């Protein structure tokens, strides 16, 4: 029973031996042409330049992001605290009965 071929399943075609007629085919002539080799070289150089550009862009984004976090975010937080303190002072002044003072205009005397 072991010598009988299996029935069903997928049968693959036999592999063909590669043609070796000394690169006389049209595809072989095209792949060995100087235009194709220059095109391959240009494509490789374009990939190299784009990788370097992406890497330097990533570095610049990292520098800009960390600078923003270190310098700008604390400034925004401090400005928000100052605004809340001014609003609290105005609220306390209005509860005590003092006339509201506009911080942008001086009080007339």
PDB file of N, CA and C in Angstrom:
ATOM      1  N   UNK A   1       0.812  -1.189   0.000  1.00  0.00           N
ATOM      2  CA  UNK A   1       0.000   0.000   0.000  1.00  0.00           C
ATOM      3  C   UNK A   1       0.856   1.254   0.000  1.00  0.00           C
ATOM      4  N   UNK A   2       2.044   1.179   0.582  1.00  0.00           N
ATOM      5  CA  UNK A   2       2.890   2.353   0.679  1.00  0.00           C
ATOM      6  C   UNK A   2       3.436   2.751  -0.678  1.00  0.00           C
ATOM      7  N   UNK A   3       3.485   1.823  -1.633  1.00  0.00           N
ATOM      8  CA  UNK A   3       4.062   2.141  -2.934  1.00  0.00           C
ATOM      9  C   UNK A   3       3.061   2.812  -3.866  1.00  0.00           C
ATOM     10  N   UNK A   4       1.782   2.826  -3.506  1.00  0.00           N
ATOM     11  CA  UNK A   4       0.778   3.446  -4.361  1.00  0.00           C
ATOM     12  C   UNK A   4       0.787   4.957  -4.140  1.00  0.00           C
ATOM     13  N   UNK A   5       0.612   5.729  -5.231  1.00  0.00           N
ATOM     14  CA  UNK A   5       0.572   7.192  -5.085  1.00  0.00           C
ATOM     15  C   UNK A   5      -0.701   7.636  -4.367  1.00  0.00           C
ATOM     16  N   UNK A   6      -0.636   8.761  -3.728  1.00  0.00           N
ATOM     17  CA  UNK A   6      -1.806   9.296  -3.007  1.00  0.00           C
ATOM     18  C   UNK A   6      -2.802   9.869  -3.984  1.00  0.00           C
ATOM     19  N   UNK A   7      -4.024   9.759  -3.616  1.00  0.00           N
ATOM     20  CA  UNK A   7      -5.077  10.343  -4.438  1.00  0.00           C
ATOM     21  C   UNK A   7      -5.577  11.610  -3.766  1.00  0.00           C
ATOM     22  N   UNK A   8      -5.951  12.592  -4.547  1.00  0.00           N
ATOM     23  CA  UNK A   8      -6.440  13.855  -4.005  1.00  0.00           C
ATOM     24  C   UNK A   8      -5.279  14.782  -3.666  1.00  0.00           C
ATOM     25  N   UNK A   9      -5.586  15.916  -3.146  1.00  0.00           N
ATOM     26  CA  UNK A   9      -4.549  16.872  -2.790  1.00  0.00           C
ATOM     27  C   UNK A   9      -4.134  17.702  -3.995  1.00  0.00           C
ATOM     28  N   UNK A  10      -3.079  18.453  -3.820  1.00  0.00           N
ATOM     29  CA  UNK A  10      -2.588  19.331  -4.873  1.00  0.00           C
ATOM     30  C   UNK A  10      -1.341  18.726  -5.489  1.00  0.00           C
ATOM     31  N   UNK A  11      -1.320  18.677  -6.796  1.00  0.00           N
ATOM     32  CA  UNK A  11      -0.126  18.187  -7.471  1.00  0.00           C
ATOM     33  C   UNK A  11       0.567  19.375  -8.130  1.00  0.00           C
ATOM     34  N   UNK A  12       1.837  19.501  -7.908  1.00  0.00           N
ATOM     35  CA  UNK A  12       2.614  20.592  -8.467  1.00  0.00           C
ATOM     36  C   UNK A  12       3.261  20.146  -9.762  1.00  0.00           C
ATOM     37  N   UNK A  13       3.420  21.065 -10.707  1.00  0.00           N
ATOM     38  CA  UNK A  13       4.084  20.676 -11.959  1.00  0.00           C
ATOM     39  C   UNK A  13       5.573  20.439 -11.711  1.00  0.00           C
ATOM     40  N   UNK A  14       6.163  19.655 -12.595  1.00  0.00           N
ATOM     41  CA  UNK A  14       7.595  19.386 -12.487  1.00  0.00           C
ATOM     42  C   UNK A  14       8.366  20.682 -12.731  1.00  0.00           C
ATOM     43  N   UNK A  15       9.494  20.820 -12.034  1.00  0.00           N
ATOM     44  CA  UNK A  15      10.321  22.018 -12.224  1.00  0.00           C
ATOM     45  C   UNK A  15      11.068  21.916 -13.537  1.00  0.00           C
ATOM     46  N   UNK A  16      11.133  23.046 -14.197  1.00  0.00           N
ATOM     47  CA  UNK A  16      11.869  23.091 -15.451  1.00  0.00           C
ATOM     48  C   UNK A  16      13.307  23.490 -15.175  1.00  0.00           C
ATOM     49  N   UNK A  17      14.193  22.967 -15.903  1.00  0.00           N
ATOM     50  CA  UNK A  17      15.597  23.351 -15.769  1.00  0.00           C
ATOM     51  C   UNK A  17      15.775  24.730 -16.376  1.00  0.00           C
ATOM     52  N   UNK A  18      16.560  25.611 -15.711  1.00  0.00           N
ATOM     53  CA  UNK A  18      16.742  26.952 -16.264  1.00  0.00           C
ATOM     54  C   UNK A  18      17.477  26.897 -17.602  1.00  0.00           C
ATOM     55  N   UNK A  19      17.063  27.801 -18.484  1.00  0.00           N
ATOM     56  CA  UNK A  19      17.698  27.867 -19.798  1.00  0.00           C
ATOM     57  C   UNK A  19      19.057  28.533 -19.641  1.00  0.00           C
ATOM     58  N   UNK A  20      20.031  27.999 -20.242  1.00  0.00           N
ATOM     59  CA  UNK A  20      21.374  28.546 -20.166  1.00  0.00           C
ATOM     60  C   UNK A  20      21.894  28.706 -21.587  1.00  0.00           C
ATOM     61  N   UNK A  21      21.408  29.726 -22.256  1.00  0.00           N
ATOM     62  CA  UNK A  21      21.877  29.956 -23.608  1.00  0.00           C
ATOM     63  C   UNK A  21      22.720  31.234 -23.649  1.00  0.00           C
ATOM     64  N   UNK A  22      23.652  31.324 -22.703  1.00  0.00           N
ATOM     65  CA  UNK A  22      24.665  32.372 -22.658  1.00  0.00           C
ATOM     66  C   UNK A  22      24.071  33.776 -22.714  1.00  0.00           C
ATOM     67  N   UNK A  23      23.032  33.999 -21.952  1.00  0.00           N
ATOM     68  CA  UNK A  23      22.406  35.310 -21.784  1.00  0.00           C
ATOM     69  C   UNK A  23      22.031  35.926 -23.131  1.00  0.00           C
ATOM     70  N   UNK A  24      21.454  35.161 -23.986  1.00  0.00           N
ATOM     71  CA  UNK A  24      21.080  35.686 -25.297  1.00  0.00           C
ATOM     72  C   UNK A  24      19.620  36.129 -25.328  1.00  0.00           C
ATOM     73  N   UNK A  25      18.887  35.960 -24.200  1.00  0.00           N
ATOM     74  CA  UNK A  25      17.490  36.353 -24.179  1.00  0.00           C
ATOM     75  C   UNK A  25      17.324  37.864 -24.067  1.00  0.00           C
ATOM     76  N   UNK A  26      16.151  38.333 -24.394  1.00  0.00           N
ATOM     77  CA  UNK A  26      15.873  39.777 -24.370  1.00  0.00           C
ATOM     78  C   UNK A  26      15.928  40.327 -22.947  1.00  0.00           C
ATOM     79  N   UNK A  27      15.473  39.530 -21.974  1.00  0.00           N
ATOM     80  CA  UNK A  27      15.490  39.998 -20.580  1.00  0.00           C
ATOM     81  C   UNK A  27      16.925  40.116 -20.090  1.00  0.00           C
ATOM     82  N   UNK A  28      17.761  39.186 -20.465  1.00  0.00           N
ATOM     83  CA  UNK A  28      19.164  39.246 -20.061  1.00  0.00           C
ATOM     84  C   UNK A  28      19.853  40.449 -20.685  1.00  0.00           C
ATOM     85  N   UNK A  29      19.509  40.754 -21.917  1.00  0.00           N
ATOM     86  CA  UNK A  29      20.103  41.926 -22.570  1.00  0.00           C
ATOM     87  C   UNK A  29      19.653  43.217 -21.893  1.00  0.00           C
ATOM     88  N   UNK A  30      18.386  43.247 -21.496  1.00  0.00           N
ATOM     89  CA  UNK A  30      17.886  44.458 -20.834  1.00  0.00           C
ATOM     90  C   UNK A  30      18.494  44.637 -19.451  1.00  0.00           C
ATOM     91  N   UNK A  31      18.616  43.569 -18.677  1.00  0.00           N
ATOM     92  CA  UNK A  31      19.141  43.700 -17.319  1.00  0.00           C
ATOM     93  C   UNK A  31      20.618  44.048 -17.306  1.00  0.00           C
ATOM     94  N   UNK A  32      21.335  43.722 -18.373  1.00  0.00           N
ATOM     95  CA  UNK A  32      22.758  44.041 -18.441  1.00  0.00           C
ATOM     96  C   UNK A  32      23.037  45.358 -19.160  1.00  0.00           C
ATOM     97  N   UNK A  33      22.013  46.079 -19.565  1.00  0.00           N
ATOM     98  CA  UNK A  33      22.235  47.323 -20.302  1.00  0.00           C
ATOM     99  C   UNK A  33      22.705  48.421 -19.353  1.00  0.00           C
ATOM    100  N   UNK A  34      23.456  49.398 -19.860  1.00  0.00           N
ATOM    101  CA  UNK A  34      23.946  50.477 -18.994  1.00  0.00           C
ATOM    102  C   UNK A  34      22.821  51.368 -18.462  1.00  0.00           C
ATOM    103  N   UNK A  35      21.742  51.480 -19.186  1.00  0.00           N
ATOM    104  CA  UNK A  35      20.622  52.309 -18.716  1.00  0.00           C
ATOM    105  C   UNK A  35      20.016  51.713 -17.454  1.00  0.00           C
ATOM    106  N   UNK A  36      19.852  50.400 -17.454  1.00  0.00           N
ATOM    107  CA  UNK A  36      19.286  49.732 -16.285  1.00  0.00           C
ATOM    108  C   UNK A  36      20.238  49.839 -15.106  1.00  0.00           C
ATOM    109  N   UNK A  37      21.526  49.678 -15.344  1.00  0.00           N
ATOM    110  CA  UNK A  37      22.483  49.771 -14.232  1.00  0.00           C
ATOM    111  C   UNK A  37      22.514  51.189 -13.666  1.00  0.00           C
ATOM    112  N   UNK A  38      22.416  52.206 -14.524  1.00  0.00           N
ATOM    113  CA  UNK A  38      22.352  53.587 -14.036  1.00  0.00           C
ATOM    114  C   UNK A  38      21.057  53.832 -13.262  1.00  0.00           C
ATOM    115  N   UNK A  39      19.978  53.239 -13.732  1.00  0.00           N
ATOM    116  CA  UNK A  39      18.698  53.366 -13.016  1.00  0.00           C
ATOM    117  C   UNK A  39      18.757  52.719 -11.646  1.00  0.00           C
ATOM    118  N   UNK A  40      19.373  51.541 -11.562  1.00  0.00           N
ATOM    119  CA  UNK A  40      19.524  50.869 -10.260  1.00  0.00           C
ATOM    120  C   UNK A  40      20.377  51.699  -9.323  1.00  0.00           C
ATOM    121  N   UNK A  41      21.457  52.266  -9.856  1.00  0.00           N
ATOM    122  CA  UNK A  41      22.343  53.088  -9.033  1.00  0.00           C
ATOM    123  C   UNK A  41      21.608  54.335  -8.549  1.00  0.00           C
ATOM    124  N   UNK A  42      20.817  54.970  -9.414  1.00  0.00           N
ATOM    125  CA  UNK A  42      20.056  56.153  -9.016  1.00  0.00           C
ATOM    126  C   UNK A  42      19.016  55.801  -7.955  1.00  0.00           C
ATOM    127  N   UNK A  43      18.388  54.646  -8.089  1.00  0.00           N
ATOM    128  CA  UNK A  43      17.392  54.222  -7.099  1.00  0.00           C
ATOM    129  C   UNK A  43      18.056  53.970  -5.753  1.00  0.00           C
ATOM    130  N   UNK A  44      19.224  53.338  -5.762  1.00  0.00           N
ATOM    131  CA  UNK A  44      19.945  53.091  -4.507  1.00  0.00           C
ATOM    132  C   UNK A  44      20.350  54.402  -3.843  1.00  0.00           C
ATOM    133  N   UNK A  45      20.817  55.350  -4.639  1.00  0.00           N
ATOM    134  CA  UNK A  45      21.203  56.649  -4.086  1.00  0.00           C
ATOM    135  C   UNK A  45      19.990  57.393  -3.539  1.00  0.00           C
ATOM    136  N   UNK A  46      18.848  57.287  -4.213  1.00  0.00           N
ATOM    137  CA  UNK A  46      17.627  57.943  -3.726  1.00  0.00           C
ATOM    138  C   UNK A  46      17.181  57.342  -2.401  1.00  0.00           C
ATOM    139  N   UNK A  47      17.290  56.039  -2.268  1.00  0.00           N
ATOM    140  CA  UNK A  47      16.936  55.386  -1.009  1.00  0.00           C
ATOM    141  C   UNK A  47      17.875  55.833   0.097  1.00  0.00           C
ATOM    142  N   UNK A  48      19.167  55.922  -0.201  1.00  0.00           N
ATOM    143  CA  UNK A  48      20.159  56.358   0.789  1.00  0.00           C
ATOM    144  C   UNK A  48      19.866  57.782   1.260  1.00  0.00           C
ATOM    145  N   UNK A  49      19.588  58.677   0.316  1.00  0.00           N
ATOM    146  CA  UNK A  49      19.301  60.072   0.670  1.00  0.00           C
ATOM    147  C   UNK A  49      18.015  60.170   1.478  1.00  0.00           C
ATOM    148  N   UNK A  50      16.990  59.423   1.096  1.00  0.00           N
ATOM    149  CA  UNK A  50      15.735  59.500   1.848  1.00  0.00           C
ATOM    150  C   UNK A  50      15.888  58.937   3.248  1.00  0.00           C
ATOM    151  N   UNK A  51      16.699  57.904   3.433  1.00  0.00           N
ATOM    152  CA  UNK A  51      16.939  57.389   4.782  1.00  0.00           C
ATOM    153  C   UNK A  51      17.652  58.427   5.630  1.00  0.00           C
ATOM    154  N   UNK A  52      18.655  59.084   5.064  1.00  0.00           N
ATOM    155  CA  UNK A  52      19.374  60.122   5.814  1.00  0.00           C
ATOM    156  C   UNK A  52      18.447  61.286   6.143  1.00  0.00           C
ATOM    157  N   UNK A  53      17.579  61.652   5.192  1.00  0.00           N
ATOM    158  CA  UNK A  53      16.645  62.757   5.419  1.00  0.00           C
ATOM    159  C   UNK A  53      15.659  62.409   6.521  1.00  0.00           C
ATOM    160  N   UNK A  54      15.136  61.190   6.503  1.00  0.00           N
ATOM    161  CA  UNK A  54      14.208  60.770   7.550  1.00  0.00           C
ATOM    162  C   UNK A  54      14.890  60.738   8.913  1.00  0.00           C
ATOM    163  N   UNK A  55      16.125  60.282   8.939  1.00  0.00           N
ATOM    164  CA  UNK A  55      16.853  60.222  10.200  1.00  0.00           C
ATOM    165  C   UNK A  55      17.104  61.618  10.746  1.00  0.00           C
ATOM    166  N   UNK A  56      17.519  62.556   9.880  1.00  0.00           N
ATOM    167  CA  UNK A  56      17.784  63.916  10.352  1.00  0.00           C
ATOM    168  C   UNK A  56      16.488  64.628  10.717  1.00  0.00           C
ATOM    169  N   UNK A  57      15.395  64.336  10.000  1.00  0.00           N
ATOM    170  CA  UNK A  57      14.105  64.926  10.347  1.00  0.00           C
ATOM    171  C   UNK A  57      13.646  64.422  11.702  1.00  0.00           C
ATOM    172  N   UNK A  58      13.862  63.147  11.975  1.00  0.00           N
ATOM    173  CA  UNK A  58      13.503  62.593  13.276  1.00  0.00           C
ATOM    174  C   UNK A  58      14.305  63.227  14.394  1.00  0.00           C
ATOM    175  N   UNK A  59      15.596  63.451  14.151  1.00  0.00           N
ATOM    176  CA  UNK A  59      16.430  64.105  15.155  1.00  0.00           C
ATOM    177  C   UNK A  59      15.948  65.525  15.409  1.00  0.00           C
ATOM    178  N   UNK A  60      15.610  66.253  14.347  1.00  0.00           N
ATOM    179  CA  UNK A  60      15.128  67.626  14.504  1.00  0.00           C
ATOM    180  C   UNK A  60      13.794  67.648  15.250  1.00  0.00           C
ATOM    181  N   UNK A  61      12.920  66.705  14.970  1.00  0.00           N
ATOM    182  CA  UNK A  61      11.639  66.644  15.683  1.00  0.00           C
ATOM    183  C   UNK A  61      11.856  66.335  17.155  1.00  0.00           C
ATOM    184  N   UNK A  62      12.815  65.456  17.454  1.00  0.00           N
ATOM    185  CA  UNK A  62      13.125  65.140  18.855  1.00  0.00           C
ATOM    186  C   UNK A  62      13.648  66.385  19.576  1.00  0.00           C
ATOM    187  N   UNK A  63      14.548  67.129  18.943  1.00  0.00           N
ATOM    188  CA  UNK A  63      15.108  68.337  19.560  1.00  0.00           C
ATOM    189  C   UNK A  63      14.011  69.374  19.779  1.00  0.00           C
ATOM    190  N   UNK A  64      13.156  69.577  18.780  1.00  0.00           N
ATOM    191  CA  UNK A  64      12.080  70.563  18.918  1.00  0.00           C
ATOM    192  C   UNK A  64      11.092  70.141  20.007  1.00  0.00           C
ATOM    193  N   UNK A  65      10.761  68.870  20.063  1.00  0.00           N
ATOM    194  CA  UNK A  65       9.804  68.400  21.072  1.00  0.00           C
ATOM    195  C   UNK A  65      10.325  68.525  22.486  1.00  0.00           C
ATOM    196  N   UNK A  66      11.573  68.128  22.707  1.00  0.00           N
ATOM    197  CA  UNK A  66      12.123  68.226  24.059  1.00  0.00           C
ATOM    198  C   UNK A  66      12.342  69.673  24.469  1.00  0.00           C
ATOM    199  N   UNK A  67      12.734  70.521  23.536  1.00  0.00           N
ATOM    200  CA  UNK A  67      12.878  71.947  23.844  1.00  0.00           C
ATOM    201  C   UNK A  67      11.541  72.541  24.232  1.00  0.00           C
ATOM    202  N   UNK A  68      10.493  72.173  23.514  1.00  0.00           N
ATOM    203  CA  UNK A  68       9.154  72.667  23.846  1.00  0.00           C
ATOM    204  C   UNK A  68       8.758  72.220  25.247  1.00  0.00           C
ATOM    205  N   UNK A  69       9.007  70.956  25.569  1.00  0.00           N
ATOM    206  CA  UNK A  69       8.629  70.446  26.892  1.00  0.00           C
ATOM    207  C   UNK A  69       9.413  71.117  28.007  1.00  0.00           C
ATOM    208  N   UNK A  70      10.678  71.401  27.785  1.00  0.00           N
ATOM    209  CA  UNK A  70      11.509  71.960  28.838  1.00  0.00           C
ATOM    210  C   UNK A  70      11.290  73.456  29.013  1.00  0.00           C
ATOM    211  N   UNK A  71      11.100  74.192  27.924  1.00  0.00           N
ATOM    212  CA  UNK A  71      11.024  75.644  28.014  1.00  0.00           C
ATOM    213  C   UNK A  71       9.606  76.211  27.974  1.00  0.00           C
ATOM    214  N   UNK A  72       8.761  75.709  27.118  1.00  0.00           N
ATOM    215  CA  UNK A  72       7.465  76.347  26.878  1.00  0.00           C
ATOM    216  C   UNK A  72       6.389  75.854  27.833  1.00  0.00           C
ATOM    217  N   UNK A  73       6.355  74.571  28.122  1.00  0.00           N
ATOM    218  CA  UNK A  73       5.304  74.037  28.994  1.00  0.00           C
ATOM    219  C   UNK A  73       5.354  74.655  30.394  1.00  0.00           C
ATOM    220  N   UNK A  74       6.508  74.787  31.051  1.00  0.00           N
ATOM    221  CA  UNK A  74       6.518  75.468  32.363  1.00  0.00           C
ATOM    222  C   UNK A  74       6.059  76.924  32.272  1.00  0.00           C
ATOM    223  N   UNK A  75       6.379  77.598  31.174  1.00  0.00           N
ATOM    224  CA  UNK A  75       5.919  78.976  30.998  1.00  0.00           C
ATOM    225  C   UNK A  75       4.397  79.034  30.901  1.00  0.00           C
ATOM    226  N   UNK A  76       3.805  78.117  30.169  1.00  0.00           N
ATOM    227  CA  UNK A  76       2.345  78.079  30.043  1.00  0.00           C
ATOM    228  C   UNK A  76       1.706  77.796  31.399  1.00  0.00           C
ATOM    229  N   UNK A  77       2.276  76.874  32.165  1.00  0.00           N
ATOM    230  CA  UNK A  77       1.735  76.548  33.489  1.00  0.00           C
ATOM    231  C   UNK A  77       1.818  77.756  34.405  1.00  0.00           C
ATOM    232  N   UNK A  78       2.946  78.473  34.387  1.00  0.00           N
ATOM    233  CA  UNK A  78       3.104  79.653  35.244  1.00  0.00           C
ATOM    234  C   UNK A  78       2.138  80.763  34.846  1.00  0.00           C
ATOM    235  N   UNK A  79       1.919  80.945  33.557  1.00  0.00           N
ATOM    236  CA  UNK A  79       0.962  81.972  33.111  1.00  0.00           C
ATOM    237  C   UNK A  79      -0.448  81.606  33.563  1.00  0.00           C
ATOM    238  N   UNK A  80      -0.789  80.338  33.527  1.00  0.00           N
ATOM    239  CA  UNK A  80      -2.110  79.894  33.978  1.00  0.00           C
ATOM    240  C   UNK A  80      -2.271  80.124  35.486  1.00  0.00           C
ATOM    241  N   UNK A  81      -1.226  79.836  36.261  1.00  0.00           N
ATOM    242  CA  UNK A  81      -1.282  80.086  37.708  1.00  0.00           C
ATOM    243  C   UNK A  81      -1.480  81.569  38.006  1.00  0.00           C
ATOM    244  N   UNK A  82      -0.760  82.411  37.274  1.00  0.00           N
ATOM    245  CA  UNK A  82      -0.885  83.870  37.474  1.00  0.00           C
ATOM    246  C   UNK A  82      -2.298  84.336  37.150  1.00  0.00           C
ATOM    247  N   UNK A  83      -2.875  83.808  36.102  1.00  0.00           N
ATOM    248  CA  UNK A  83      -4.242  84.184  35.740  1.00  0.00           C
ATOM    249  C   UNK A  83      -5.225  83.724  36.817  1.00  0.00           C
ATOM    250  N   UNK A  84      -5.050  82.510  37.323  1.00  0.00           N
ATOM    251  CA  UNK A  84      -5.940  82.026  38.383  1.00  0.00           C
ATOM    252  C   UNK A  84      -5.793  82.868  39.648  1.00  0.00           C
ATOM    253  N   UNK A  85      -4.573  83.282  39.982  1.00  0.00           N
ATOM    254  CA  UNK A  85      -4.349  84.127  41.154  1.00  0.00           C
ATOM    255  C   UNK A  85      -5.029  85.483  40.981  1.00  0.00           C
ATOM    256  N   UNK A  86      -4.932  86.071  39.807  1.00  0.00           N
ATOM    257  CA  UNK A  86      -5.601  87.355  39.549  1.00  0.00           C
ATOM    258  C   UNK A  86      -7.117  87.214  39.661  1.00  0.00           C
ATOM    259  N   UNK A  87      -7.663  86.136  39.126  1.00  0.00           N
ATOM    260  CA  UNK A  87      -9.110  85.923  39.221  1.00  0.00           C
ATOM    261  C   UNK A  87      -9.540  85.718  40.668  1.00  0.00           C
ATOM    262  N   UNK A  88      -8.727  85.024  41.463  1.00  0.00           N
ATOM    263  CA  UNK A  88      -9.035  84.812  42.877  1.00  0.00           C
ATOM    264  C   UNK A  88      -9.009  86.133  43.641  1.00  0.00           C
ATOM    265  N   UNK A  89      -8.031  86.981  43.356  1.00  0.00           N
ATOM    266  CA  UNK A  89      -7.961  88.289  44.015  1.00  0.00           C
ATOM    267  C   UNK A  89      -9.163  89.145  43.659  1.00  0.00           C
ATOM    268  N   UNK A  90      -9.572  89.115  42.397  1.00  0.00           N
ATOM    269  CA  UNK A  90     -10.753  89.881  41.986  1.00  0.00           C
ATOM    270  C   UNK A  90     -12.006  89.343  42.675  1.00  0.00           C
ATOM    271  N   UNK A  91     -12.119  88.041  42.804  1.00  0.00           N
ATOM    272  CA  UNK A  91     -13.282  87.446  43.464  1.00  0.00           C
ATOM    273  C   UNK A  91     -13.305  87.811  44.949  1.00  0.00           C
ATOM    274  N   UNK A  92     -12.163  87.767  45.608  1.00  0.00           N
ATOM    275  CA  UNK A  92     -12.107  88.137  47.018  1.00  0.00           C
ATOM    276  C   UNK A  92     -12.418  89.610  47.215  1.00  0.00           C
ATOM    277  N   UNK A  93     -11.926  90.450  46.317  1.00  0.00           N
ATOM    278  CA  UNK A  93     -12.196  91.884  46.419  1.00  0.00           C
ATOM    279  C   UNK A  93     -13.681  92.158  46.242  1.00  0.00           C
ATOM    280  N   UNK A  94     -14.340  91.444  45.344  1.00  0.00           N
ATOM    281  CA  UNK A  94     -15.772  91.679  45.141  1.00  0.00           C
ATOM    282  C   UNK A  94     -16.574  91.164  46.342  1.00  0.00           C
ATOM    283  N   UNK A  95     -16.115  90.098  47.011  1.00  0.00           N
ATOM    284  CA  UNK A  95     -16.811  89.595  48.196  1.00  0.00           C
ATOM    285  C   UNK A  95     -16.656  90.547  49.379  1.00  0.00           C
ATOM    286  N   UNK A  96     -15.531  91.246  49.477  1.00  0.00           N
ATOM    287  CA  UNK A  96     -15.295  92.170  50.572  1.00  0.00           C
ATOM    288  C   UNK A  96     -15.951  93.525  50.329  1.00  0.00           C
ATOM    289  N   UNK A  97     -16.500  93.730  49.174  1.00  0.00           N
ATOM    290  CA  UNK A  97     -17.216  94.963  48.881  1.00  0.00           C
ATOM    291  C   UNK A  97     -16.360  96.029  48.253  1.00  0.00           C
ATOM    292  N   UNK A  98     -15.145  95.781  47.971  1.00  0.00           N
ATOM    293  CA  UNK A  98     -14.291  96.769  47.319  1.00  0.00           C
ATOM    294  C   UNK A  98     -14.674  96.845  45.850  1.00  0.00           C
ATOM    295  N   UNK A  99     -14.509  98.011  45.249  1.00  0.00           N
ATOM    296  CA  UNK A  99     -14.827  98.121  43.823  1.00  0.00           C
ATOM    297  C   UNK A  99     -13.855  97.259  43.015  1.00  0.00           C
ATOM    298  N   UNK A 100     -14.364  96.599  41.978  1.00  0.00           N
ATOM    299  CA  UNK A 100     -13.481  95.750  41.176  1.00  0.00           C
ATOM    300  C   UNK A 100     -12.412  96.585  40.485  1.00  0.00           C
ATOM    301  N   UNK A 101     -11.214  96.091  40.514  1.00  0.00           N
ATOM    302  CA  UNK A 101     -10.090  96.788  39.903  1.00  0.00           C
ATOM    303  C   UNK A 101      -9.727  96.048  38.627  1.00  0.00           C
ATOM    304  N   UNK A 102      -9.704  96.811  37.529  1.00  0.00           N
ATOM    305  CA  UNK A 102      -9.304  96.223  36.259  1.00  0.00           C
ATOM    306  C   UNK A 102      -7.784  96.302  36.181  1.00  0.00           C
ATOM    307  N   UNK A 103      -7.078  95.202  36.085  1.00  0.00           N
ATOM    308  CA  UNK A 103      -5.623  95.239  36.127  1.00  0.00           C
ATOM    309  C   UNK A 103      -4.986  95.954  34.935  1.00  0.00           C
ATOM    310  N   UNK A 104      -5.733  96.139  33.843  1.00  0.00           N
ATOM    311  CA  UNK A 104      -5.151  96.796  32.674  1.00  0.00           C
ATOM    312  C   UNK A 104      -5.253  98.314  32.767  1.00  0.00           C
ATOM    313  N   UNK A 105      -6.263  98.839  33.532  1.00  0.00           N
ATOM    314  CA  UNK A 105      -6.440 100.285  33.661  1.00  0.00           C
ATOM    315  C   UNK A 105      -6.142 100.697  35.101  1.00  0.00           C
ATOM    316  N   UNK A 106      -5.358 101.763  35.270  1.00  0.00           N
ATOM    317  CA  UNK A 106      -5.087 102.209  36.636  1.00  0.00           C
ATOM    318  C   UNK A 106      -6.332 102.817  37.294  1.00  0.00           C
ATOM    319  N   UNK A 107      -6.369 102.772  38.603  1.00  0.00           N
ATOM    320  CA  UNK A 107      -7.506 103.299  39.368  1.00  0.00           C
ATOM    321  C   UNK A 107      -7.363 104.826  39.418  1.00  0.00           C
ATOM    322  N   UNK A 108      -8.423 105.576  39.062  1.00  0.00           N
ATOM    323  CA  UNK A 108      -8.324 107.046  39.127  1.00  0.00           C
ATOM    324  C   UNK A 108      -8.300 107.510  40.595  1.00  0.00           C
ATOM    325  N   UNK A 109      -7.582 108.602  40.883  1.00  0.00           N
ATOM    326  CA  UNK A 109      -7.459 109.124  42.240  1.00  0.00           C
ATOM    327  C   UNK A 109      -8.140 110.432  42.398  1.00  0.00           C
TER     328      UNK A 109
END
